[in-house]
Amino acid sequence: MSLLIALAALAMIGFGLPGGVLSVAWTSMSDKFGVAITSLGSVVAAYIVGYTIASFSSGWLLQKGSLGRFLTLSAALSGLGYVAFAAVPGWWLLLAVSVTAGAGHGFLDTGLNLFAATRLNGRITNWIHAFFGLGSLAGSSLMTGFLLVGLGWEWGYLVVAGPFVVLVVGFALTRKRWQVGRDSSTEVFEIAGMMETLRVPAVWVGIAAFALQTALEVAAGVWSFTLLTEKREISVATAGGWVSAFFGGLFFGRVMLGTFADRLSAPRLLRLSGVLSVVGALAFWQVQISELNLVGLILLGFGLGPIFPTLISATPSYVGARHTQNAIGLQIGASAVGGGLIPAGVGFVAAIVGLEAISVALVIGSSLMLGVLWTFEWLGSPSTAPARTG
């Protein structure tokens, strides 16, 4: 099990690297491709198209073959997509490559989260997802360093492809050990139909929560650097450091708050995380004290960090074992839609009314998310669920 957990953690690093690289590299990329800086929303939207299609189709594909083979092929598709990012010559090809990379990511993310939801406990799930924040932190830090020493942004995407090469080998060698369910030899049940799953209220609450959490994470990650440098006149080095601090907050939030995932009920942990996110967004929104922007980014990341993995871990308890596979696919798909459409929409609005719309959107989004998370109180505590390994 420890080797599988290590591979899952490496995958999370691979998931985090692209966002960190893109958030810092985009100003240089937009110059090369001759597009407006607000066109970042189009790149994110293209990526999410591939991610969403892959996520929603994962449940059906997983019924056709083994999880281990599914993960191997998904990692290969992701790695090829990011290598293509470094070599793409034109704007429209960049969008096409974004769709491909997004599809690989969507398949891999759904498969790993299904494994985590059914085989691992909340503490381990949070710790594994903490490596996403570590990957994002590494990506933004490396990309800032590359730009400062005069290297092109293409180097950042070559680094991104590295973990996926390792994952292809690792998944291929361990493909027979990846199973869904706490005890695949004895736990047998019929998977519910999709329409039946969609009639479960907790599924819709989860869909809304995943969409808003990912939208906030993506919007803060990809737009904060642009707002700080283009509007608030923060230097590239300082802004890059502040964005890295946001991703560091994601990492430490999952490690520190995730430690209590098996001690606190999921509703309490989710509410605490939601409140911290709102406070962080408010601190980043204000412009009178620039130092509070840094504090706000860190606190926003710290609060957002535990929400995604805690929701993943709690899914079987809220929706039931028969609905878990469908619910995971729907929730990951919802996170893709929210993480693509909402940040893209923020970019379009910012192009019309000004870049400060970014900070306002973070305040509104975090407040809505807190309201959704509060509803988990009446859905019932997942603490009564059977313990999972890890």
Protein backbone atom coordinates (compact mmCIF):
# COMPACT_ATOMS: atom_id res chain seq x y z
CA MET A 1 0.00 0.00 0.00
CA SER A 2 2.86 2.41 0.79
CA LEU A 3 4.12 2.27 -2.81
CA LEU A 4 0.66 3.03 -4.16
CA ILE A 5 0.34 5.99 -1.77
CA ALA A 6 3.75 7.26 -2.92
CA LEU A 7 2.68 7.07 -6.57
CA ALA A 8 -0.57 8.88 -5.76
CA ALA A 9 1.43 11.61 -3.99
CA LEU A 10 3.75 11.95 -7.01
CA ALA A 11 0.68 12.27 -9.24
CA MET A 12 -0.57 15.12 -7.05
CA ILE A 13 2.77 16.89 -7.50
CA GLY A 14 2.32 16.42 -11.25
CA PHE A 15 -1.19 17.86 -11.05
CA GLY A 16 0.03 20.92 -9.16
CA LEU A 17 3.02 21.81 -11.32
CA PRO A 18 1.10 23.08 -14.41
CA GLY A 19 -0.99 25.62 -12.48
CA GLY A 20 2.07 27.02 -10.73
CA VAL A 21 3.98 27.28 -14.00
CA LEU A 22 1.07 28.82 -15.92
CA SER A 23 0.32 31.45 -13.27
CA VAL A 24 3.83 32.91 -13.58
CA ALA A 25 4.57 32.11 -17.24
CA TRP A 26 1.39 33.51 -18.76
CA THR A 27 2.55 37.09 -19.28
CA SER A 28 5.50 35.78 -21.31
CA MET A 29 3.34 33.26 -23.16
CA SER A 30 0.77 35.88 -24.15
CA ASP A 31 3.55 38.02 -25.64
CA LYS A 32 4.85 35.11 -27.72
CA PHE A 33 1.43 34.14 -29.08
CA GLY A 34 0.34 37.76 -29.61
CA VAL A 35 -2.85 37.57 -27.55
CA ALA A 36 -4.30 39.73 -24.80
CA ILE A 37 -3.26 38.94 -21.25
CA THR A 38 -6.90 38.19 -20.40
CA SER A 39 -6.83 35.36 -23.00
CA LEU A 40 -5.57 33.16 -20.20
CA GLY A 41 -9.23 32.33 -19.65
CA SER A 42 -9.34 30.68 -23.07
CA VAL A 43 -6.38 28.44 -22.26
CA VAL A 44 -7.94 27.40 -18.97
CA ALA A 45 -11.31 26.82 -20.63
CA ALA A 46 -9.75 24.60 -23.34
CA TYR A 47 -7.95 22.58 -20.69
CA ILE A 48 -11.17 22.15 -18.75
CA VAL A 49 -13.07 20.94 -21.84
CA GLY A 50 -10.73 17.97 -22.07
CA TYR A 51 -10.73 17.48 -18.29
CA THR A 52 -14.53 17.56 -18.05
CA ILE A 53 -15.14 15.11 -20.89
CA ALA A 54 -12.60 12.73 -19.38
CA SER A 55 -14.01 13.00 -15.86
CA PHE A 56 -17.62 12.40 -16.85
CA SER A 57 -16.67 9.41 -19.02
CA SER A 58 -14.30 7.84 -16.47
CA GLY A 59 -16.98 5.86 -14.64
CA TRP A 60 -18.04 4.14 -17.86
CA LEU A 61 -14.44 3.47 -18.94
CA LEU A 62 -13.48 2.05 -15.55
CA GLN A 63 -16.19 -0.58 -15.93
CA LYS A 64 -14.48 -1.75 -19.15
CA GLY A 65 -10.99 -2.38 -17.74
CA SER A 66 -8.72 -2.41 -14.71
CA LEU A 67 -7.91 0.68 -12.69
CA GLY A 68 -4.16 0.04 -13.00
CA ARG A 69 -4.21 0.06 -16.80
CA PHE A 70 -6.52 3.08 -16.76
CA LEU A 71 -4.02 5.03 -14.59
CA THR A 72 -1.06 4.03 -16.78
CA LEU A 73 -2.66 5.26 -19.99
CA SER A 74 -3.91 8.43 -18.29
CA ALA A 75 -0.42 9.32 -17.06
CA ALA A 76 0.99 8.76 -20.55
CA LEU A 77 -1.60 11.08 -22.11
CA SER A 78 -0.88 13.77 -19.51
CA GLY A 79 2.89 13.59 -20.03
CA LEU A 80 2.59 13.84 -23.81
CA GLY A 81 0.32 16.85 -23.45
CA TYR A 82 2.78 18.79 -21.32
CA VAL A 83 5.73 17.99 -23.60
CA ALA A 84 3.64 19.39 -26.45
CA PHE A 85 3.09 22.58 -24.43
CA ALA A 86 6.82 23.29 -24.58
CA ALA A 87 6.98 22.82 -28.35
CA VAL A 88 3.70 24.28 -29.60
CA PRO A 89 4.29 27.01 -32.25
CA GLY A 90 0.95 28.82 -32.42
CA TRP A 91 -2.05 30.02 -30.45
CA TRP A 92 -4.67 27.63 -31.82
CA LEU A 93 -2.37 24.64 -31.38
CA LEU A 94 -1.82 25.74 -27.79
CA LEU A 95 -5.56 25.49 -27.21
CA ALA A 96 -5.67 22.03 -28.81
CA VAL A 97 -2.79 20.83 -26.65
CA SER A 98 -4.57 22.22 -23.60
CA VAL A 99 -7.56 20.00 -24.37
CA THR A 100 -5.29 16.94 -24.64
CA ALA A 101 -3.44 17.65 -21.40
CA GLY A 102 -6.73 18.31 -19.66
CA ALA A 103 -8.14 14.95 -20.78
CA GLY A 104 -5.14 13.07 -19.42
CA HIS A 105 -5.39 14.96 -16.15
CA GLY A 106 -9.15 14.34 -15.88
CA PHE A 107 -8.82 10.58 -16.37
CA LEU A 108 -5.93 10.30 -13.90
CA ASP A 109 -7.51 12.56 -11.28
CA THR A 110 -10.78 10.63 -11.28
CA GLY A 111 -9.07 7.25 -11.04
CA LEU A 112 -6.83 8.26 -8.15
CA ASN A 113 -9.63 9.98 -6.23
CA LEU A 114 -11.85 6.92 -6.61
CA PHE A 115 -9.03 4.84 -5.13
CA ALA A 116 -8.57 7.33 -2.27
CA ALA A 117 -12.29 7.53 -1.50
CA THR A 118 -12.68 3.77 -1.20
CA ARG A 119 -9.29 2.63 0.15
CA LEU A 120 -7.81 5.47 2.25
CA ASN A 121 -8.88 7.39 5.35
CA GLY A 122 -9.38 11.16 5.57
CA ARG A 123 -5.97 11.90 7.08
CA ILE A 124 -4.02 10.06 4.38
CA THR A 125 -6.23 11.50 1.64
CA ASN A 126 -5.50 15.03 2.86
CA TRP A 127 -1.79 14.34 3.07
CA ILE A 128 -1.70 12.92 -0.45
CA HIS A 129 -3.56 15.96 -1.80
CA ALA A 130 -1.12 18.20 0.08
CA PHE A 131 1.42 17.28 -2.56
CA PHE A 132 -0.75 19.12 -5.09
CA GLY A 133 0.03 22.33 -3.22
CA LEU A 134 3.69 21.34 -3.07
CA GLY A 135 3.68 20.81 -6.84
CA SER A 136 2.02 24.18 -7.43
CA LEU A 137 4.54 25.84 -5.11
CA ALA A 138 7.42 24.17 -6.95
CA GLY A 139 5.96 25.11 -10.34
CA SER A 140 5.55 28.80 -9.56
CA SER A 141 8.93 28.99 -7.83
CA LEU A 142 10.77 27.25 -10.67
CA MET A 143 9.05 29.35 -13.32
CA THR A 144 9.89 32.56 -11.45
CA GLY A 145 13.51 31.42 -11.29
CA PHE A 146 13.60 30.53 -14.99
CA LEU A 147 12.29 33.98 -15.94
CA LEU A 148 14.69 35.79 -13.65
CA VAL A 149 17.74 34.05 -15.18
CA GLY A 150 16.48 34.58 -18.72
CA LEU A 151 15.27 31.08 -19.60
CA GLY A 152 12.07 30.70 -21.61
CA TRP A 153 8.76 29.56 -20.20
CA GLU A 154 9.07 26.38 -22.27
CA TRP A 155 11.48 25.00 -19.67
CA GLY A 156 8.72 25.08 -17.12
CA TYR A 157 6.56 22.65 -19.12
CA LEU A 158 9.45 20.27 -19.69
CA VAL A 159 9.77 20.08 -15.91
CA VAL A 160 6.01 19.48 -15.66
CA ALA A 161 6.27 16.42 -17.93
CA GLY A 162 8.90 14.76 -15.72
CA PRO A 163 6.70 13.27 -12.98
CA PHE A 164 4.33 11.75 -15.53
CA VAL A 165 7.17 9.79 -17.13
CA VAL A 166 7.89 8.25 -13.73
CA LEU A 167 4.19 7.60 -13.16
CA VAL A 168 3.78 5.69 -16.41
CA VAL A 169 6.52 3.27 -15.31
CA GLY A 170 5.23 3.08 -11.73
CA PHE A 171 1.60 2.45 -12.68
CA ALA A 172 2.61 -0.15 -15.26
CA LEU A 173 4.65 -2.10 -12.71
CA THR A 174 1.92 -1.97 -10.03
CA ARG A 175 -1.16 -2.15 -12.27
CA LYS A 176 -2.51 -5.35 -10.66
CA ARG A 177 -2.42 -3.80 -7.16
CA TRP A 178 -4.82 -0.95 -7.88
CA GLN A 179 -8.27 -1.98 -6.69
CA VAL A 180 -11.46 -0.09 -5.80
CA GLY A 181 -13.14 -0.85 -2.48
CA ARG A 182 -11.94 -1.37 1.07
CA ASP A 183 -11.74 -5.13 0.54
CA SER A 184 -12.21 -5.97 -3.10
CA SER A 185 -12.30 -9.71 -2.42
CA THR A 186 -15.35 -9.57 -0.11
CA GLU A 187 -17.09 -6.24 -0.63
CA VAL A 188 -19.48 -6.84 -3.52
CA PHE A 189 -22.33 -4.55 -4.46
CA GLU A 190 -24.13 -3.41 -7.57
CA ILE A 191 -23.10 0.04 -8.78
CA ALA A 192 -26.10 2.35 -9.06
CA GLY A 193 -27.22 3.78 -12.36
CA MET A 194 -26.35 7.38 -13.11
CA MET A 195 -29.94 8.59 -12.98
CA GLU A 196 -30.42 6.96 -9.59
CA THR A 197 -27.25 8.64 -8.31
CA LEU A 198 -28.45 12.01 -9.53
CA ARG A 199 -31.50 11.69 -7.29
CA VAL A 200 -29.32 11.69 -4.14
CA PRO A 201 -29.33 15.23 -2.61
CA ALA A 202 -25.80 14.87 -1.20
CA VAL A 203 -24.48 14.35 -4.72
CA TRP A 204 -25.70 17.79 -5.78
CA VAL A 205 -24.30 19.45 -2.67
CA GLY A 206 -20.98 17.80 -3.43
CA ILE A 207 -21.11 18.93 -7.06
CA ALA A 208 -21.64 22.56 -5.98
CA ALA A 209 -18.90 22.37 -3.34
CA PHE A 210 -16.34 20.87 -5.73
CA ALA A 211 -17.15 23.40 -8.44
CA LEU A 212 -16.74 26.40 -6.13
CA GLN A 213 -13.64 25.13 -4.33
CA THR A 214 -11.78 24.39 -7.55
CA ALA A 215 -12.91 27.67 -9.13
CA LEU A 216 -11.46 29.61 -6.20
CA GLU A 217 -8.23 27.61 -6.22
CA VAL A 218 -7.71 28.06 -9.95
CA ALA A 219 -8.77 31.72 -10.04
CA ALA A 220 -6.47 32.68 -7.19
CA GLY A 221 -3.62 30.64 -8.63
CA VAL A 222 -3.72 31.88 -12.21
CA TRP A 223 -4.99 35.46 -11.81
CA SER A 224 -3.32 36.77 -8.63
CA PHE A 225 0.09 37.23 -10.29
CA THR A 226 -1.46 39.23 -13.11
CA LEU A 227 -3.44 41.41 -10.69
CA LEU A 228 -0.42 42.06 -8.49
CA THR A 229 1.98 42.93 -11.32
CA GLU A 230 -0.30 44.66 -13.83
CA LYS A 231 -2.64 46.55 -11.49
CA ARG A 232 -1.06 46.82 -8.05
CA GLU A 233 2.45 47.39 -9.45
CA ILE A 234 4.18 44.66 -7.46
CA SER A 235 7.51 43.49 -8.92
CA VAL A 236 7.73 40.18 -10.78
CA ALA A 237 9.99 38.65 -8.14
CA THR A 238 7.76 39.74 -5.24
CA ALA A 239 4.51 38.76 -6.95
CA GLY A 240 5.98 35.39 -7.90
CA GLY A 241 6.91 34.85 -4.27
CA TRP A 242 3.43 35.77 -3.11
CA VAL A 243 1.78 33.38 -5.57
CA SER A 244 4.17 30.69 -4.35
CA ALA A 245 3.02 31.52 -0.81
CA PHE A 246 -0.58 30.86 -1.87
CA PHE A 247 0.37 27.41 -3.11
CA GLY A 248 2.39 26.90 0.06
CA GLY A 249 -0.79 27.67 1.99
CA LEU A 250 -2.59 24.92 0.07
CA PHE A 251 0.14 22.48 1.02
CA PHE A 252 0.30 23.34 4.71
CA GLY A 253 -3.49 23.59 4.98
CA ARG A 254 -3.83 20.01 3.85
CA VAL A 255 -1.01 18.80 6.06
CA MET A 256 -1.97 20.69 9.23
CA LEU A 257 -5.77 20.78 9.03
CA GLY A 258 -5.82 17.36 7.37
CA THR A 259 -4.19 15.96 10.50
CA PHE A 260 -7.52 16.51 12.25
CA ALA A 261 -9.57 14.93 9.45
CA ASP A 262 -10.09 11.74 11.48
CA ARG A 263 -10.73 13.61 14.75
CA LEU A 264 -13.18 16.30 13.69
CA SER A 265 -16.37 15.58 11.81
CA ALA A 266 -16.18 16.46 8.14
CA PRO A 267 -18.84 19.22 8.46
CA ARG A 268 -16.83 20.99 11.18
CA LEU A 269 -13.57 20.75 9.26
CA LEU A 270 -15.27 22.00 6.09
CA ARG A 271 -16.86 24.96 7.90
CA LEU A 272 -13.54 25.93 9.50
CA SER A 273 -11.82 25.79 6.12
CA GLY A 274 -14.60 27.85 4.54
CA VAL A 275 -14.34 30.60 7.15
CA LEU A 276 -10.55 30.82 6.74
CA SER A 277 -11.03 31.09 2.97
CA VAL A 278 -13.46 34.00 3.30
CA VAL A 279 -11.13 35.88 5.69
CA GLY A 280 -8.21 35.32 3.31
CA ALA A 281 -10.17 36.56 0.30
CA LEU A 282 -11.18 39.71 2.20
CA ALA A 283 -7.57 40.44 3.15
CA PHE A 284 -6.48 40.03 -0.48
CA TRP A 285 -9.34 42.23 -1.71
CA GLN A 286 -8.32 45.30 0.31
CA VAL A 287 -5.64 47.52 -1.31
CA GLN A 288 -4.69 49.90 1.50
CA ILE A 289 -2.10 47.60 3.13
CA SER A 290 -0.18 45.61 0.53
CA GLU A 291 1.32 43.29 3.14
CA LEU A 292 -2.21 42.06 3.92
CA ASN A 293 -2.44 40.86 0.33
CA LEU A 294 0.32 38.36 1.10
CA VAL A 295 -1.38 37.32 4.34
CA GLY A 296 -4.67 36.98 2.47
CA LEU A 297 -3.20 34.74 -0.22
CA ILE A 298 -1.59 32.47 2.38
CA LEU A 299 -4.78 32.26 4.43
CA LEU A 300 -6.93 31.68 1.35
CA GLY A 301 -4.70 28.80 0.29
CA PHE A 302 -4.60 27.42 3.83
CA GLY A 303 -8.39 27.43 4.05
CA LEU A 304 -9.02 26.01 0.57
CA GLY A 305 -6.45 23.25 1.00
CA PRO A 306 -8.36 20.63 3.05
CA ILE A 307 -11.74 21.07 1.35
CA PHE A 308 -11.20 18.98 -1.79
CA PRO A 309 -9.61 15.91 -0.12
CA THR A 310 -12.02 16.01 2.83
CA LEU A 311 -14.98 15.98 0.44
CA ILE A 312 -13.39 13.10 -1.50
CA SER A 313 -12.89 11.07 1.66
CA ALA A 314 -16.42 11.77 2.90
CA THR A 315 -18.15 10.90 -0.39
CA PRO A 316 -18.86 7.20 0.37
CA SER A 317 -20.44 8.16 3.69
CA TYR A 318 -22.65 10.89 2.25
CA VAL A 319 -23.81 9.13 -0.91
CA GLY A 320 -23.38 5.43 -0.08
CA ALA A 321 -21.12 2.75 -1.56
CA ARG A 322 -23.40 2.06 -4.54
CA HIS A 323 -23.21 5.68 -5.68
CA THR A 324 -19.54 6.40 -4.89
CA GLN A 325 -18.06 5.61 -8.32
CA ASN A 326 -20.65 7.75 -10.13
CA ALA A 327 -20.44 10.53 -7.55
CA ILE A 328 -16.66 10.76 -7.74
CA GLY A 329 -16.81 11.14 -11.52
CA LEU A 330 -19.56 13.76 -11.27
CA GLN A 331 -17.74 15.70 -8.56
CA ILE A 332 -14.41 15.66 -10.38
CA GLY A 333 -16.23 16.74 -13.52
CA ALA A 334 -17.93 19.53 -11.59
CA SER A 335 -14.58 20.67 -10.26
CA ALA A 336 -13.37 20.81 -13.85
CA VAL A 337 -16.34 22.87 -15.00
CA GLY A 338 -16.09 25.22 -12.04
CA GLY A 339 -12.32 25.46 -12.31
CA GLY A 340 -12.55 26.30 -16.01
CA LEU A 341 -15.67 28.33 -16.61
CA ILE A 342 -15.61 30.51 -13.50
CA PRO A 343 -11.94 31.64 -13.76
CA ALA A 344 -12.47 32.16 -17.49
CA GLY A 345 -15.54 34.26 -16.71
CA VAL A 346 -13.52 36.24 -14.16
CA GLY A 347 -11.01 36.96 -16.91
CA PHE A 348 -13.66 38.18 -19.31
CA VAL A 349 -15.17 40.43 -16.64
CA ALA A 350 -11.72 41.74 -15.69
CA ALA A 351 -11.08 42.65 -19.32
CA ILE A 352 -14.20 44.83 -19.27
CA VAL A 353 -14.27 46.42 -15.83
CA GLY A 354 -10.66 46.10 -14.70
CA LEU A 355 -8.37 43.61 -13.01
CA GLU A 356 -9.67 44.37 -9.51
CA ALA A 357 -12.71 42.29 -10.47
CA ILE A 358 -10.46 39.32 -9.69
CA SER A 359 -10.25 40.11 -5.97
CA VAL A 360 -13.99 40.86 -5.78
CA ALA A 361 -14.76 37.51 -7.42
CA LEU A 362 -12.65 35.71 -4.80
CA VAL A 363 -14.67 37.31 -1.99
CA ILE A 364 -18.02 36.45 -3.60
CA GLY A 365 -16.96 32.91 -4.49
CA SER A 366 -15.56 32.08 -1.05
CA SER A 367 -18.73 33.37 0.61
CA LEU A 368 -20.92 31.20 -1.64
CA MET A 369 -18.71 28.21 -0.96
CA LEU A 370 -19.01 28.68 2.81
CA GLY A 371 -22.79 28.63 2.44
CA VAL A 372 -22.67 25.37 0.47
CA LEU A 373 -20.26 23.75 2.94
CA TRP A 374 -22.59 24.64 5.80
CA THR A 375 -25.28 22.39 4.32
CA PHE A 376 -23.15 19.31 5.02
CA GLU A 377 -24.25 19.68 8.65
CA TRP A 378 -27.72 18.28 7.91
CA LEU A 379 -26.49 15.60 5.50
CA GLY A 380 -25.10 13.60 8.41
CA SER A 381 -21.63 13.03 9.79
CA PRO A 382 -19.30 10.67 7.88
CA SER A 383 -17.71 9.63 11.16
CA THR A 384 -20.03 6.60 11.25
CA ALA A 385 -18.56 5.22 8.04
CA PRO A 386 -16.37 2.10 8.19
CA ALA A 387 -12.70 2.94 8.69
CA ARG A 388 -10.48 2.86 5.67
CA THR A 389 -6.89 1.82 5.43
CA GLY A 390 -3.83 3.97 5.09
